[in-house]
Amino acid sequence: MWAECGRRAVQCGEIFGKTMMIEETMTALIEQAGYVDVVEKRFRWPFGAWAEDKRLKDIGRWQLHHWEGGLEGWTMALMTRCLGWSYEKVKQWNVEMKNTVRDKKWKAYQDV
């Protein structure tokens, strides 16, 4: 489900002519805009409070909260307009996605 989420986002970006590969391209885009001495710092944030490190556990709680609250807003317009999905199909897909990120056996990170 997680991999499908990424594939769908990239597919939608290609359809409407914008990149959804921000993590991979942000530094180059900032430099192309004329900024110099750009420093890139990458982090891995967990989903949920499963990490042993206290700081990562807190970040994971916030990351999960962020995804639960934002998922519908991120997906509804993209999937209905770009992929032709119905409102009901997107809502169901979002339920499945939320179940995936809430699953305590699923220990995933997001690169930021």
PDB file of N, CA and C in Angstrom:
ATOM      1  N   MET A   1       0.823  -1.199   0.000  1.00  0.00           N
ATOM      2  CA  MET A   1       0.000   0.000   0.000  1.00  0.00           C
ATOM      3  C   MET A   1       0.864   1.260   0.000  1.00  0.00           C
ATOM      4  N   TRP A   2       1.928   1.227   0.819  1.00  0.00           N
ATOM      5  CA  TRP A   2       2.808   2.391   0.913  1.00  0.00           C
ATOM      6  C   TRP A   2       3.483   2.676  -0.433  1.00  0.00           C
ATOM      7  N   ALA A   3       4.001   1.637  -1.079  1.00  0.00           N
ATOM      8  CA  ALA A   3       4.659   1.812  -2.381  1.00  0.00           C
ATOM      9  C   ALA A   3       3.663   2.314  -3.416  1.00  0.00           C
ATOM     10  N   GLU A   4       2.442   1.815  -3.353  1.00  0.00           N
ATOM     11  CA  GLU A   4       1.407   2.262  -4.294  1.00  0.00           C
ATOM     12  C   GLU A   4       1.121   3.747  -4.100  1.00  0.00           C
ATOM     13  N   CYS A   5       1.136   4.207  -2.874  1.00  0.00           N
ATOM     14  CA  CYS A   5       0.897   5.625  -2.591  1.00  0.00           C
ATOM     15  C   CYS A   5       1.921   6.486  -3.330  1.00  0.00           C
ATOM     16  N   GLY A   6       3.185   6.110  -3.239  1.00  0.00           N
ATOM     17  CA  GLY A   6       4.228   6.847  -3.937  1.00  0.00           C
ATOM     18  C   GLY A   6       4.079   6.796  -5.440  1.00  0.00           C
ATOM     19  N   ARG A   7       3.769   5.612  -5.955  1.00  0.00           N
ATOM     20  CA  ARG A   7       3.588   5.474  -7.417  1.00  0.00           C
ATOM     21  C   ARG A   7       2.428   6.332  -7.910  1.00  0.00           C
ATOM     22  N   ARG A   8       1.330   6.325  -7.168  1.00  0.00           N
ATOM     23  CA  ARG A   8       0.156   7.121  -7.561  1.00  0.00           C
ATOM     24  C   ARG A   8       0.476   8.611  -7.546  1.00  0.00           C
ATOM     25  N   ALA A   9       1.203   9.072  -6.533  1.00  0.00           N
ATOM     26  CA  ALA A   9       1.563  10.487  -6.454  1.00  0.00           C
ATOM     27  C   ALA A   9       2.423  10.893  -7.643  1.00  0.00           C
ATOM     28  N   VAL A  10       3.424  10.088  -7.968  1.00  0.00           N
ATOM     29  CA  VAL A  10       4.293  10.386  -9.112  1.00  0.00           C
ATOM     30  C   VAL A  10       3.475  10.379 -10.405  1.00  0.00           C
ATOM     31  N   GLN A  11       2.595   9.408 -10.553  1.00  0.00           N
ATOM     32  CA  GLN A  11       1.733   9.313 -11.739  1.00  0.00           C
ATOM     33  C   GLN A  11       0.876  10.574 -11.883  1.00  0.00           C
ATOM     34  N   CYS A  12       0.275  11.029 -10.798  1.00  0.00           N
ATOM     35  CA  CYS A  12      -0.552  12.235 -10.844  1.00  0.00           C
ATOM     36  C   CYS A  12       0.287  13.453 -11.219  1.00  0.00           C
ATOM     37  N   GLY A  13       1.474  13.564 -10.649  1.00  0.00           N
ATOM     38  CA  GLY A  13       2.347  14.676 -10.990  1.00  0.00           C
ATOM     39  C   GLY A  13       2.694  14.700 -12.464  1.00  0.00           C
ATOM     40  N   GLU A  14       2.962  13.540 -13.025  1.00  0.00           N
ATOM     41  CA  GLU A  14       3.268  13.462 -14.461  1.00  0.00           C
ATOM     42  C   GLU A  14       2.069  13.902 -15.290  1.00  0.00           C
ATOM     43  N   ILE A  15       0.871  13.544 -14.867  1.00  0.00           N
ATOM     44  CA  ILE A  15      -0.340  13.903 -15.606  1.00  0.00           C
ATOM     45  C   ILE A  15      -0.554  15.413 -15.606  1.00  0.00           C
ATOM     46  N   PHE A  16      -0.359  16.087 -14.465  1.00  0.00           N
ATOM     47  CA  PHE A  16      -0.613  17.531 -14.443  1.00  0.00           C
ATOM     48  C   PHE A  16       0.650  18.373 -14.602  1.00  0.00           C
ATOM     49  N   GLY A  17       1.777  17.727 -14.899  1.00  0.00           N
ATOM     50  CA  GLY A  17       2.977  18.447 -15.287  1.00  0.00           C
ATOM     51  C   GLY A  17       3.822  19.021 -14.162  1.00  0.00           C
ATOM     52  N   LYS A  18       3.721  18.458 -12.970  1.00  0.00           N
ATOM     53  CA  LYS A  18       4.536  18.897 -11.840  1.00  0.00           C
ATOM     54  C   LYS A  18       5.194  17.683 -11.208  1.00  0.00           C
ATOM     55  N   THR A  19       6.395  17.880 -10.688  1.00  0.00           N
ATOM     56  CA  THR A  19       7.069  16.754 -10.059  1.00  0.00           C
ATOM     57  C   THR A  19       6.533  16.525  -8.646  1.00  0.00           C
ATOM     58  N   MET A  20       6.404  15.280  -8.294  1.00  0.00           N
ATOM     59  CA  MET A  20       6.077  14.900  -6.927  1.00  0.00           C
ATOM     60  C   MET A  20       7.315  14.280  -6.286  1.00  0.00           C
ATOM     61  N   MET A  21       8.438  14.398  -6.969  1.00  0.00           N
ATOM     62  CA  MET A  21       9.713  13.850  -6.496  1.00  0.00           C
ATOM     63  C   MET A  21      10.498  14.972  -5.812  1.00  0.00           C
ATOM     64  N   ILE A  22       9.879  15.647  -4.876  1.00  0.00           N
ATOM     65  CA  ILE A  22      10.470  16.812  -4.240  1.00  0.00           C
ATOM     66  C   ILE A  22      11.746  16.464  -3.477  1.00  0.00           C
ATOM     67  N   GLU A  23      11.709  15.403  -2.714  1.00  0.00           N
ATOM     68  CA  GLU A  23      12.885  15.020  -1.922  1.00  0.00           C
ATOM     69  C   GLU A  23      14.120  14.847  -2.807  1.00  0.00           C
ATOM     70  N   GLU A  24      13.915  14.252  -3.965  1.00  0.00           N
ATOM     71  CA  GLU A  24      15.030  13.951  -4.858  1.00  0.00           C
ATOM     72  C   GLU A  24      15.512  15.163  -5.643  1.00  0.00           C
ATOM     73  N   THR A  25      14.664  16.185  -5.814  1.00  0.00           N
ATOM     74  CA  THR A  25      15.003  17.287  -6.714  1.00  0.00           C
ATOM     75  C   THR A  25      15.110  18.656  -6.042  1.00  0.00           C
ATOM     76  N   MET A  26      14.753  18.759  -4.775  1.00  0.00           N
ATOM     77  CA  MET A  26      14.658  20.072  -4.133  1.00  0.00           C
ATOM     78  C   MET A  26      15.966  20.851  -4.149  1.00  0.00           C
ATOM     79  N   THR A  27      17.070  20.207  -3.821  1.00  0.00           N
ATOM     80  CA  THR A  27      18.350  20.918  -3.772  1.00  0.00           C
ATOM     81  C   THR A  27      18.694  21.511  -5.135  1.00  0.00           C
ATOM     82  N   ALA A  28      18.560  20.726  -6.177  1.00  0.00           N
ATOM     83  CA  ALA A  28      18.863  21.220  -7.525  1.00  0.00           C
ATOM     84  C   ALA A  28      17.924  22.359  -7.920  1.00  0.00           C
ATOM     85  N   LEU A  29      16.668  22.257  -7.580  1.00  0.00           N
ATOM     86  CA  LEU A  29      15.709  23.319  -7.918  1.00  0.00           C
ATOM     87  C   LEU A  29      16.043  24.618  -7.193  1.00  0.00           C
ATOM     88  N   ILE A  30      16.451  24.517  -5.940  1.00  0.00           N
ATOM     89  CA  ILE A  30      16.829  25.711  -5.174  1.00  0.00           C
ATOM     90  C   ILE A  30      18.075  26.347  -5.784  1.00  0.00           C
ATOM     91  N   GLU A  31      19.045  25.532  -6.172  1.00  0.00           N
ATOM     92  CA  GLU A  31      20.265  26.053  -6.807  1.00  0.00           C
ATOM     93  C   GLU A  31      19.947  26.673  -8.165  1.00  0.00           C
ATOM     94  N   GLN A  32      19.052  26.061  -8.923  1.00  0.00           N
ATOM     95  CA  GLN A  32      18.659  26.614 -10.222  1.00  0.00           C
ATOM     96  C   GLN A  32      17.958  27.960 -10.071  1.00  0.00           C
ATOM     97  N   ALA A  33      17.336  28.173  -8.923  1.00  0.00           N
ATOM     98  CA  ALA A  33      16.667  29.445  -8.654  1.00  0.00           C
ATOM     99  C   ALA A  33      17.665  30.544  -8.293  1.00  0.00           C
ATOM    100  N   GLY A  34      18.952  30.175  -8.156  1.00  0.00           N
ATOM    101  CA  GLY A  34      19.981  31.178  -7.922  1.00  0.00           C
ATOM    102  C   GLY A  34      20.574  31.195  -6.526  1.00  0.00           C
ATOM    103  N   TYR A  35      20.107  30.340  -5.665  1.00  0.00           N
ATOM    104  CA  TYR A  35      20.677  30.282  -4.321  1.00  0.00           C
ATOM    105  C   TYR A  35      22.047  29.603  -4.367  1.00  0.00           C
ATOM    106  N   VAL A  36      22.945  30.065  -3.517  1.00  0.00           N
ATOM    107  CA  VAL A  36      24.285  29.488  -3.458  1.00  0.00           C
ATOM    108  C   VAL A  36      24.535  28.938  -2.058  1.00  0.00           C
ATOM    109  N   ASP A  37      25.546  28.106  -1.959  1.00  0.00           N
ATOM    110  CA  ASP A  37      25.899  27.486  -0.679  1.00  0.00           C
ATOM    111  C   ASP A  37      24.719  26.762  -0.041  1.00  0.00           C
ATOM    112  N   VAL A  38      23.963  26.068  -0.851  1.00  0.00           N
ATOM    113  CA  VAL A  38      22.804  25.324  -0.368  1.00  0.00           C
ATOM    114  C   VAL A  38      23.293  24.095   0.390  1.00  0.00           C
ATOM    115  N   VAL A  39      22.759  23.887   1.570  1.00  0.00           N
ATOM    116  CA  VAL A  39      23.114  22.731   2.394  1.00  0.00           C
ATOM    117  C   VAL A  39      21.877  21.848   2.513  1.00  0.00           C
ATOM    118  N   GLU A  40      22.048  20.603   2.135  1.00  0.00           N
ATOM    119  CA  GLU A  40      20.951  19.650   2.206  1.00  0.00           C
ATOM    120  C   GLU A  40      21.138  18.760   3.437  1.00  0.00           C
ATOM    121  N   LYS A  41      20.092  18.658   4.233  1.00  0.00           N
ATOM    122  CA  LYS A  41      20.099  17.763   5.386  1.00  0.00           C
ATOM    123  C   LYS A  41      18.908  16.827   5.247  1.00  0.00           C
ATOM    124  N   ARG A  42      19.197  15.552   5.309  1.00  0.00           N
ATOM    125  CA  ARG A  42      18.133  14.547   5.178  1.00  0.00           C
ATOM    126  C   ARG A  42      17.889  13.879   6.526  1.00  0.00           C
ATOM    127  N   PHE A  43      16.632  13.537   6.736  1.00  0.00           N
ATOM    128  CA  PHE A  43      16.230  12.881   7.967  1.00  0.00           C
ATOM    129  C   PHE A  43      15.313  11.718   7.626  1.00  0.00           C
ATOM    130  N   ARG A  44      15.225  10.770   8.537  1.00  0.00           N
ATOM    131  CA  ARG A  44      14.291   9.644   8.408  1.00  0.00           C
ATOM    132  C   ARG A  44      13.341   9.720   9.594  1.00  0.00           C
ATOM    133  N   TRP A  45      12.070   9.982   9.306  1.00  0.00           N
ATOM    134  CA  TRP A  45      11.074  10.104  10.356  1.00  0.00           C
ATOM    135  C   TRP A  45      10.204   8.854  10.384  1.00  0.00           C
ATOM    136  N   PRO A  46      10.043   8.258  11.552  1.00  0.00           N
ATOM    137  CA  PRO A  46       9.188   7.065  11.656  1.00  0.00           C
ATOM    138  C   PRO A  46       7.708   7.436  11.613  1.00  0.00           C
ATOM    139  N   PHE A  47       6.888   6.466  11.250  1.00  0.00           N
ATOM    140  CA  PHE A  47       5.432   6.595  11.350  1.00  0.00           C
ATOM    141  C   PHE A  47       4.998   5.901  12.622  1.00  0.00           C
ATOM    142  N   GLY A  48       4.444   6.638  13.545  1.00  0.00           N
ATOM    143  CA  GLY A  48       3.985   6.051  14.793  1.00  0.00           C
ATOM    144  C   GLY A  48       5.073   6.051  15.853  1.00  0.00           C
ATOM    145  N   ALA A  49       4.676   5.641  17.050  1.00  0.00           N
ATOM    146  CA  ALA A  49       5.551   5.729  18.226  1.00  0.00           C
ATOM    147  C   ALA A  49       6.317   4.443  18.487  1.00  0.00           C
ATOM    148  N   TRP A  50       6.697   3.713  17.473  1.00  0.00           N
ATOM    149  CA  TRP A  50       7.364   2.427  17.662  1.00  0.00           C
ATOM    150  C   TRP A  50       8.870   2.544  17.878  1.00  0.00           C
ATOM    151  N   ALA A  51       9.477   3.668  17.507  1.00  0.00           N
ATOM    152  CA  ALA A  51      10.937   3.808  17.629  1.00  0.00           C
ATOM    153  C   ALA A  51      11.357   3.770  19.102  1.00  0.00           C
ATOM    154  N   GLU A  52      12.520   3.243  19.379  1.00  0.00           N
ATOM    155  CA  GLU A  52      13.018   3.172  20.758  1.00  0.00           C
ATOM    156  C   GLU A  52      13.526   4.523  21.256  1.00  0.00           C
ATOM    157  N   ASP A  53      14.141   5.302  20.387  1.00  0.00           N
ATOM    158  CA  ASP A  53      14.662   6.610  20.747  1.00  0.00           C
ATOM    159  C   ASP A  53      13.495   7.550  21.066  1.00  0.00           C
ATOM    160  N   LYS A  54      13.564   8.248  22.219  1.00  0.00           N
ATOM    161  CA  LYS A  54      12.456   9.102  22.662  1.00  0.00           C
ATOM    162  C   LYS A  54      12.134  10.195  21.649  1.00  0.00           C
ATOM    163  N   ARG A  55      13.163  10.831  21.116  1.00  0.00           N
ATOM    164  CA  ARG A  55      12.944  11.910  20.136  1.00  0.00           C
ATOM    165  C   ARG A  55      12.273  11.370  18.880  1.00  0.00           C
ATOM    166  N   LEU A  56      12.759  10.234  18.377  1.00  0.00           N
ATOM    167  CA  LEU A  56      12.133   9.635  17.192  1.00  0.00           C
ATOM    168  C   LEU A  56      10.720   9.146  17.486  1.00  0.00           C
ATOM    169  N   LYS A  57      10.486   8.684  18.697  1.00  0.00           N
ATOM    170  CA  LYS A  57       9.143   8.259  19.093  1.00  0.00           C
ATOM    171  C   LYS A  57       8.173   9.449  19.026  1.00  0.00           C
ATOM    172  N   ASP A  58       8.605  10.608  19.542  1.00  0.00           N
ATOM    173  CA  ASP A  58       7.777  11.815  19.478  1.00  0.00           C
ATOM    174  C   ASP A  58       7.557  12.261  18.037  1.00  0.00           C
ATOM    175  N   ILE A  59       8.627  12.252  17.250  1.00  0.00           N
ATOM    176  CA  ILE A  59       8.503  12.620  15.835  1.00  0.00           C
ATOM    177  C   ILE A  59       7.528  11.669  15.135  1.00  0.00           C
ATOM    178  N   GLY A  60       7.620  10.382  15.448  1.00  0.00           N
ATOM    179  CA  GLY A  60       6.731   9.393  14.850  1.00  0.00           C
ATOM    180  C   GLY A  60       5.271   9.644  15.184  1.00  0.00           C
ATOM    181  N   ARG A  61       5.009  10.036  16.418  1.00  0.00           N
ATOM    182  CA  ARG A  61       3.617  10.371  16.796  1.00  0.00           C
ATOM    183  C   ARG A  61       3.102  11.540  15.959  1.00  0.00           C
ATOM    184  N   TRP A  62       3.925  12.573  15.844  1.00  0.00           N
ATOM    185  CA  TRP A  62       3.521  13.735  15.063  1.00  0.00           C
ATOM    186  C   TRP A  62       3.415  13.404  13.574  1.00  0.00           C
ATOM    187  N   GLN A  63       4.303  12.590  13.089  1.00  0.00           N
ATOM    188  CA  GLN A  63       4.265  12.191  11.683  1.00  0.00           C
ATOM    189  C   GLN A  63       2.961  11.437  11.373  1.00  0.00           C
ATOM    190  N   LEU A  64       2.588  10.522  12.246  1.00  0.00           N
ATOM    191  CA  LEU A  64       1.339   9.785  12.060  1.00  0.00           C
ATOM    192  C   LEU A  64       0.148  10.737  12.110  1.00  0.00           C
ATOM    193  N   HIS A  65       0.149  11.633  13.064  1.00  0.00           N
ATOM    194  CA  HIS A  65      -0.923  12.625  13.187  1.00  0.00           C
ATOM    195  C   HIS A  65      -1.009  13.476  11.915  1.00  0.00           C
ATOM    196  N   HIS A  66       0.135  13.900  11.422  1.00  0.00           N
ATOM    197  CA  HIS A  66       0.223  14.708  10.196  1.00  0.00           C
ATOM    198  C   HIS A  66      -0.396  13.964   9.011  1.00  0.00           C
ATOM    199  N   TRP A  67      -0.049  12.695   8.854  1.00  0.00           N
ATOM    200  CA  TRP A  67      -0.574  11.900   7.742  1.00  0.00           C
ATOM    201  C   TRP A  67      -2.063  11.629   7.884  1.00  0.00           C
ATOM    202  N   GLU A  68      -2.490  11.309   9.089  1.00  0.00           N
ATOM    203  CA  GLU A  68      -3.916  11.040   9.291  1.00  0.00           C
ATOM    204  C   GLU A  68      -4.762  12.274   8.974  1.00  0.00           C
ATOM    205  N   GLY A  69      -4.268  13.440   9.354  1.00  0.00           N
ATOM    206  CA  GLY A  69      -5.017  14.668   9.111  1.00  0.00           C
ATOM    207  C   GLY A  69      -4.918  15.186   7.697  1.00  0.00           C
ATOM    208  N   GLY A  70      -3.836  14.888   7.005  1.00  0.00           N
ATOM    209  CA  GLY A  70      -3.620  15.462   5.683  1.00  0.00           C
ATOM    210  C   GLY A  70      -3.948  14.594   4.497  1.00  0.00           C
ATOM    211  N   LEU A  71      -4.084  13.302   4.731  1.00  0.00           N
ATOM    212  CA  LEU A  71      -4.197  12.361   3.613  1.00  0.00           C
ATOM    213  C   LEU A  71      -5.331  12.686   2.649  1.00  0.00           C
ATOM    214  N   GLU A  72      -6.507  12.961   3.162  1.00  0.00           N
ATOM    215  CA  GLU A  72      -7.631  13.236   2.261  1.00  0.00           C
ATOM    216  C   GLU A  72      -7.374  14.479   1.418  1.00  0.00           C
ATOM    217  N   GLY A  73      -6.836  15.514   2.041  1.00  0.00           N
ATOM    218  CA  GLY A  73      -6.541  16.731   1.295  1.00  0.00           C
ATOM    219  C   GLY A  73      -5.489  16.522   0.222  1.00  0.00           C
ATOM    220  N   TRP A  74      -4.527  15.664   0.491  1.00  0.00           N
ATOM    221  CA  TRP A  74      -3.472  15.411  -0.489  1.00  0.00           C
ATOM    222  C   TRP A  74      -3.951  14.545  -1.649  1.00  0.00           C
ATOM    223  N   THR A  75      -4.913  13.685  -1.388  1.00  0.00           N
ATOM    224  CA  THR A  75      -5.283  12.687  -2.394  1.00  0.00           C
ATOM    225  C   THR A  75      -6.561  12.979  -3.163  1.00  0.00           C
ATOM    226  N   MET A  76      -7.519  13.662  -2.555  1.00  0.00           N
ATOM    227  CA  MET A  76      -8.835  13.791  -3.191  1.00  0.00           C
ATOM    228  C   MET A  76      -8.758  14.471  -4.556  1.00  0.00           C
ATOM    229  N   ALA A  77      -8.167  15.652  -4.632  1.00  0.00           N
ATOM    230  CA  ALA A  77      -8.105  16.356  -5.917  1.00  0.00           C
ATOM    231  C   ALA A  77      -7.248  15.593  -6.917  1.00  0.00           C
ATOM    232  N   LEU A  78      -6.086  15.102  -6.463  1.00  0.00           N
ATOM    233  CA  LEU A  78      -5.194  14.391  -7.383  1.00  0.00           C
ATOM    234  C   LEU A  78      -5.859  13.165  -7.989  1.00  0.00           C
ATOM    235  N   MET A  79      -6.453  12.350  -7.152  1.00  0.00           N
ATOM    236  CA  MET A  79      -6.967  11.070  -7.643  1.00  0.00           C
ATOM    237  C   MET A  79      -8.287  11.206  -8.391  1.00  0.00           C
ATOM    238  N   THR A  80      -9.103  12.205  -8.043  1.00  0.00           N
ATOM    239  CA  THR A  80     -10.341  12.392  -8.807  1.00  0.00           C
ATOM    240  C   THR A  80     -10.056  13.096 -10.126  1.00  0.00           C
ATOM    241  N   ARG A  81      -9.195  14.093 -10.119  1.00  0.00           N
ATOM    242  CA  ARG A  81      -8.933  14.861 -11.344  1.00  0.00           C
ATOM    243  C   ARG A  81      -7.930  14.181 -12.272  1.00  0.00           C
ATOM    244  N   CYS A  82      -6.877  13.621 -11.722  1.00  0.00           N
ATOM    245  CA  CYS A  82      -5.824  13.040 -12.565  1.00  0.00           C
ATOM    246  C   CYS A  82      -6.094  11.588 -12.929  1.00  0.00           C
ATOM    247  N   LEU A  83      -6.611  10.826 -11.992  1.00  0.00           N
ATOM    248  CA  LEU A  83      -6.806   9.394 -12.228  1.00  0.00           C
ATOM    249  C   LEU A  83      -8.253   9.034 -12.549  1.00  0.00           C
ATOM    250  N   GLY A  84      -9.161  10.002 -12.395  1.00  0.00           N
ATOM    251  CA  GLY A  84     -10.566   9.750 -12.706  1.00  0.00           C
ATOM    252  C   GLY A  84     -11.284   8.897 -11.675  1.00  0.00           C
ATOM    253  N   TRP A  85     -10.718   8.795 -10.471  1.00  0.00           N
ATOM    254  CA  TRP A  85     -11.351   7.999  -9.422  1.00  0.00           C
ATOM    255  C   TRP A  85     -12.584   8.720  -8.899  1.00  0.00           C
ATOM    256  N   SER A  86     -13.541   7.965  -8.406  1.00  0.00           N
ATOM    257  CA  SER A  86     -14.720   8.545  -7.776  1.00  0.00           C
ATOM    258  C   SER A  86     -14.365   8.989  -6.360  1.00  0.00           C
ATOM    259  N   TYR A  87     -15.202   9.863  -5.817  1.00  0.00           N
ATOM    260  CA  TYR A  87     -15.034  10.308  -4.437  1.00  0.00           C
ATOM    261  C   TYR A  87     -15.017   9.108  -3.497  1.00  0.00           C
ATOM    262  N   GLU A  88     -15.945   8.174  -3.719  1.00  0.00           N
ATOM    263  CA  GLU A  88     -16.053   6.997  -2.863  1.00  0.00           C
ATOM    264  C   GLU A  88     -14.803   6.123  -2.933  1.00  0.00           C
ATOM    265  N   LYS A  89     -14.235   5.974  -4.153  1.00  0.00           N
ATOM    266  CA  LYS A  89     -13.035   5.153  -4.303  1.00  0.00           C
ATOM    267  C   LYS A  89     -11.855   5.779  -3.557  1.00  0.00           C
ATOM    268  N   VAL A  90     -11.726   7.100  -3.636  1.00  0.00           N
ATOM    269  CA  VAL A  90     -10.629   7.773  -2.931  1.00  0.00           C
ATOM    270  C   VAL A  90     -10.815   7.642  -1.426  1.00  0.00           C
ATOM    271  N   LYS A  91     -12.055   7.813  -0.953  1.00  0.00           N
ATOM    272  CA  LYS A  91     -12.321   7.670   0.488  1.00  0.00           C
ATOM    273  C   LYS A  91     -11.934   6.269   0.961  1.00  0.00           C
ATOM    274  N   GLN A  92     -12.294   5.237   0.199  1.00  0.00           N
ATOM    275  CA  GLN A  92     -11.960   3.862   0.569  1.00  0.00           C
ATOM    276  C   GLN A  92     -10.448   3.640   0.541  1.00  0.00           C
ATOM    277  N   TRP A  93      -9.794   4.167  -0.476  1.00  0.00           N
ATOM    278  CA  TRP A  93      -8.344   4.044  -0.571  1.00  0.00           C
ATOM    279  C   TRP A  93      -7.684   4.709   0.632  1.00  0.00           C
ATOM    280  N   ASN A  94      -8.204   5.870   1.030  1.00  0.00           N
ATOM    281  CA  ASN A  94      -7.658   6.571   2.196  1.00  0.00           C
ATOM    282  C   ASN A  94      -7.852   5.773   3.478  1.00  0.00           C
ATOM    283  N   VAL A  95      -8.977   5.096   3.614  1.00  0.00           N
ATOM    284  CA  VAL A  95      -9.198   4.237   4.785  1.00  0.00           C
ATOM    285  C   VAL A  95      -8.137   3.144   4.828  1.00  0.00           C
ATOM    286  N   GLU A  96      -7.885   2.506   3.689  1.00  0.00           N
ATOM    287  CA  GLU A  96      -6.875   1.453   3.622  1.00  0.00           C
ATOM    288  C   GLU A  96      -5.477   2.011   3.914  1.00  0.00           C
ATOM    289  N   MET A  97      -5.189   3.203   3.399  1.00  0.00           N
ATOM    290  CA  MET A  97      -3.881   3.820   3.636  1.00  0.00           C
ATOM    291  C   MET A  97      -3.712   4.151   5.111  1.00  0.00           C
ATOM    292  N   LYS A  98      -4.741   4.707   5.731  1.00  0.00           N
ATOM    293  CA  LYS A  98      -4.664   5.024   7.163  1.00  0.00           C
ATOM    294  C   LYS A  98      -4.490   3.756   7.991  1.00  0.00           C
ATOM    295  N   ASN A  99      -5.180   2.697   7.616  1.00  0.00           N
ATOM    296  CA  ASN A  99      -5.001   1.426   8.324  1.00  0.00           C
ATOM    297  C   ASN A  99      -3.568   0.928   8.197  1.00  0.00           C
ATOM    298  N   THR A 100      -2.962   1.150   7.043  1.00  0.00           N
ATOM    299  CA  THR A 100      -1.577   0.742   6.829  1.00  0.00           C
ATOM    300  C   THR A 100      -0.636   1.516   7.748  1.00  0.00           C
ATOM    301  N   VAL A 101      -0.761   2.840   7.780  1.00  0.00           N
ATOM    302  CA  VAL A 101       0.175   3.627   8.587  1.00  0.00           C
ATOM    303  C   VAL A 101      -0.086   3.485  10.085  1.00  0.00           C
ATOM    304  N   ARG A 102      -1.287   3.077  10.465  1.00  0.00           N
ATOM    305  CA  ARG A 102      -1.600   2.864  11.888  1.00  0.00           C
ATOM    306  C   ARG A 102      -1.190   1.482  12.391  1.00  0.00           C
ATOM    307  N   ASP A 103      -0.928   0.563  11.487  1.00  0.00           N
ATOM    308  CA  ASP A 103      -0.598  -0.811  11.864  1.00  0.00           C
ATOM    309  C   ASP A 103       0.701  -0.828  12.664  1.00  0.00           C
ATOM    310  N   LYS A 104       0.627  -1.268  13.903  1.00  0.00           N
ATOM    311  CA  LYS A 104       1.800  -1.260  14.787  1.00  0.00           C
ATOM    312  C   LYS A 104       2.884  -2.242  14.336  1.00  0.00           C
ATOM    313  N   LYS A 105       2.537  -3.216  13.502  1.00  0.00           N
ATOM    314  CA  LYS A 105       3.536  -4.140  12.977  1.00  0.00           C
ATOM    315  C   LYS A 105       4.315  -3.512  11.820  1.00  0.00           C
ATOM    316  N   TRP A 106       3.781  -2.471  11.251  1.00  0.00           N
ATOM    317  CA  TRP A 106       4.367  -1.787  10.104  1.00  0.00           C
ATOM    318  C   TRP A 106       5.318  -0.725  10.632  1.00  0.00           C
ATOM    319  N   LYS A 107       6.595  -0.954  10.515  1.00  0.00           N
ATOM    320  CA  LYS A 107       7.596  -0.030  11.028  1.00  0.00           C
ATOM    321  C   LYS A 107       8.294   0.633   9.846  1.00  0.00           C
ATOM    322  N   ALA A 108       7.783   1.792   9.488  1.00  0.00           N
ATOM    323  CA  ALA A 108       8.309   2.465   8.318  1.00  0.00           C
ATOM    324  C   ALA A 108       8.792   3.868   8.672  1.00  0.00           C
ATOM    325  N   TYR A 109       9.659   4.365   7.823  1.00  0.00           N
ATOM    326  CA  TYR A 109      10.178   5.714   7.909  1.00  0.00           C
ATOM    327  C   TYR A 109       9.783   6.473   6.653  1.00  0.00           C
ATOM    328  N   GLN A 110       9.764   7.783   6.758  1.00  0.00           N
ATOM    329  CA  GLN A 110       9.660   8.625   5.579  1.00  0.00           C
ATOM    330  C   GLN A 110      10.930   9.454   5.516  1.00  0.00           C
ATOM    331  N   ASP A 111      11.562   9.458   4.378  1.00  0.00           N
ATOM    332  CA  ASP A 111      12.746  10.291   4.180  1.00  0.00           C
ATOM    333  C   ASP A 111      12.281  11.720   3.924  1.00  0.00           C
ATOM    334  N   VAL A 112      12.858  12.644   4.680  1.00  0.00           N
ATOM    335  CA  VAL A 112      12.511  14.072   4.511  1.00  0.00           C
ATOM    336  C   VAL A 112      13.779  14.875   4.405  1.00  0.00           C
TER     337      VAL A 112
END
